[in-house]
Amino acid sequence: MTTPIYTAKAVKDWENRWFKDGNSSFGLMKQASLALCLHIIDFIHKNNIAQADIIAWCGVGNNGGDGYLTAKYLAERLDNKHFNVQIIAPNPPKSADAVRARSPCTGMPMCDDVGGVIRKFEKVIHLARCLAMG
């Protein structure tokens, strides 16, 4: 399987078409998060990963919102006896969509720094894009 690489311009053009068609930014966040979740699950299966801690590093903006939703989708789809999905959020979300994305994560393991992470397994999968700026 090949993984397509998109330029920043191609992604921006696609987003502009998405919004022009009347779709919401939260809808885009949900779509992107679900796609990432499914890609991670595919990666886990293809690499025969039997158990792992999965840590989503979430920032304050919409990229952090992607992280919250991706973590939630993973927690819903993976066996919690073998996959420990956690969220590290150093600061509370600021964008409206990120606040909305964090809301369904109530009850999930969440801390504000790496010292609060509870390690259960030898392998760790980090979702770090969620902290990106811009």
Protein backbone atom coordinates (compact mmCIF):
# COMPACT_ATOMS: atom_id res chain seq x y z
CA MET A 1 0.00 0.00 0.00
CA THR A 2 1.36 3.41 -0.89
CA THR A 3 0.66 6.46 1.19
CA PRO A 4 -0.14 9.57 -0.83
CA ILE A 5 1.72 12.76 0.05
CA TYR A 6 -0.18 16.00 -0.32
CA THR A 7 1.24 19.49 -0.59
CA ALA A 8 0.06 22.18 1.79
CA LYS A 9 -1.60 23.90 -1.17
CA ALA A 10 -3.49 20.75 -2.18
CA VAL A 11 -4.78 20.31 1.37
CA LYS A 12 -5.79 23.98 1.61
CA ASP A 13 -7.61 23.74 -1.74
CA TRP A 14 -9.45 20.64 -0.54
CA GLU A 15 -10.42 22.37 2.71
CA ASN A 16 -11.68 25.40 0.78
CA ARG A 17 -13.91 23.13 -1.35
CA TRP A 18 -15.14 21.42 1.84
CA PHE A 19 -16.20 24.73 3.37
CA LYS A 20 -17.58 26.09 0.08
CA ASP A 21 -19.91 23.08 -0.03
CA GLY A 22 -21.33 24.17 3.34
CA ASN A 23 -19.58 21.63 5.55
CA SER A 24 -18.52 22.54 9.09
CA SER A 25 -15.03 22.69 10.53
CA PHE A 26 -16.10 20.25 13.25
CA GLY A 27 -17.33 17.86 10.56
CA LEU A 28 -13.90 18.05 8.93
CA MET A 29 -12.27 17.39 12.32
CA LYS A 30 -14.42 14.31 12.82
CA GLN A 31 -13.65 12.99 9.33
CA ALA A 32 -9.90 13.54 9.69
CA SER A 33 -9.84 11.98 13.18
CA LEU A 34 -11.75 8.90 12.10
CA ALA A 35 -9.46 8.45 9.08
CA LEU A 36 -6.39 8.69 11.33
CA CYS A 37 -7.95 6.27 13.83
CA LEU A 38 -8.56 3.69 11.11
CA HIS A 39 -5.05 4.18 9.74
CA ILE A 40 -3.56 3.58 13.21
CA ILE A 41 -5.65 0.44 13.67
CA ASP A 42 -4.48 -0.79 10.25
CA PHE A 43 -0.86 -0.06 11.30
CA ILE A 44 -1.38 -2.00 14.55
CA HIS A 45 -2.73 -5.03 12.71
CA LYS A 46 -0.13 -4.98 9.92
CA ASN A 47 2.69 -4.78 12.46
CA ASN A 48 1.23 -7.44 14.76
CA ILE A 49 1.19 -5.12 17.76
CA ALA A 50 -0.60 -7.12 20.45
CA GLN A 51 -0.61 -4.42 23.11
CA ALA A 52 0.52 -0.83 23.51
CA ASP A 53 0.01 2.42 25.31
CA ILE A 54 -1.38 5.01 22.88
CA ILE A 55 -0.78 8.60 23.93
CA ALA A 56 -2.38 11.57 22.17
CA TRP A 57 -0.58 14.84 22.84
CA CYS A 58 -3.28 17.52 22.47
CA GLY A 59 -2.74 21.24 22.11
CA VAL A 60 -5.22 24.07 22.48
CA GLY A 61 -6.35 24.49 18.86
CA ASN A 62 -8.05 22.42 16.21
CA ASN A 63 -5.07 20.09 15.80
CA GLY A 64 -5.53 19.28 19.48
CA GLY A 65 -9.20 18.68 18.73
CA ASP A 66 -8.12 16.12 16.14
CA GLY A 67 -6.10 14.44 18.87
CA TYR A 68 -9.01 14.30 21.32
CA LEU A 69 -11.34 12.76 18.75
CA THR A 70 -8.72 10.32 17.44
CA ALA A 71 -8.05 9.14 21.00
CA LYS A 72 -11.77 8.75 21.63
CA TYR A 73 -12.30 6.78 18.40
CA LEU A 74 -9.33 4.52 19.21
CA ALA A 75 -10.60 3.88 22.73
CA GLU A 76 -14.00 2.92 21.31
CA ARG A 77 -12.53 0.52 18.74
CA LEU A 78 -9.61 -1.15 20.52
CA ASP A 79 -9.69 -3.72 23.32
CA ASN A 80 -8.83 -1.78 26.49
CA LYS A 81 -7.14 -4.84 28.02
CA HIS A 82 -4.48 -4.65 25.32
CA PHE A 83 -4.48 -0.97 24.34
CA ASN A 84 -4.28 1.83 26.89
CA VAL A 85 -5.39 5.07 25.19
CA GLN A 86 -4.49 8.24 27.11
CA ILE A 87 -4.48 11.97 26.48
CA ILE A 88 -1.84 14.49 27.51
CA ALA A 89 -3.21 18.02 27.35
CA PRO A 90 -0.83 20.57 28.92
CA ASN A 91 -3.45 23.32 28.56
CA PRO A 92 -7.23 23.35 28.10
CA PRO A 93 -8.51 23.74 24.52
CA LYS A 94 -9.20 27.27 23.30
CA SER A 95 -10.89 26.87 19.91
CA ALA A 96 -14.62 26.12 19.94
CA ASP A 97 -14.12 22.92 17.92
CA ALA A 98 -11.35 21.67 20.23
CA VAL A 99 -13.56 22.30 23.27
CA ARG A 100 -16.34 20.37 21.56
CA ALA A 101 -13.91 17.54 20.65
CA ARG A 102 -12.67 17.21 24.23
CA SER A 103 -16.18 16.95 25.65
CA PRO A 104 -16.79 13.25 24.80
CA CYS A 105 -13.40 12.34 26.29
CA THR A 106 -14.71 12.74 29.84
CA GLY A 107 -13.80 9.60 31.73
CA MET A 108 -10.78 8.80 29.55
CA PRO A 109 -7.32 8.83 31.16
CA MET A 110 -6.12 12.44 30.79
CA CYS A 111 -3.28 14.38 32.37
CA ASP A 112 -1.49 17.69 31.85
CA ASP A 113 2.08 16.40 31.62
CA VAL A 114 4.04 13.27 30.84
CA GLY A 115 4.50 12.57 34.55
CA GLY A 116 0.83 11.64 34.79
CA VAL A 117 0.96 8.95 32.12
CA ILE A 118 0.20 5.46 33.35
CA ARG A 119 2.36 2.99 31.43
CA LYS A 120 0.94 -0.50 31.13
CA PHE A 121 2.81 -1.90 28.16
CA GLU A 122 6.32 -1.96 26.67
CA LYS A 123 5.29 -0.43 23.33
CA VAL A 124 4.09 3.15 23.04
CA ILE A 125 2.40 4.83 20.09
CA HIS A 126 2.53 8.64 20.27
CA LEU A 127 0.10 10.86 18.37
CA ALA A 128 2.12 14.05 18.39
CA ARG A 129 0.74 15.94 15.37
CA CYS A 130 -2.03 17.04 17.66
CA LEU A 131 0.23 19.74 19.13
CA ALA A 132 1.12 21.38 15.81
CA MET A 133 0.64 25.07 15.28
CA GLY A 134 -0.91 26.54 12.15
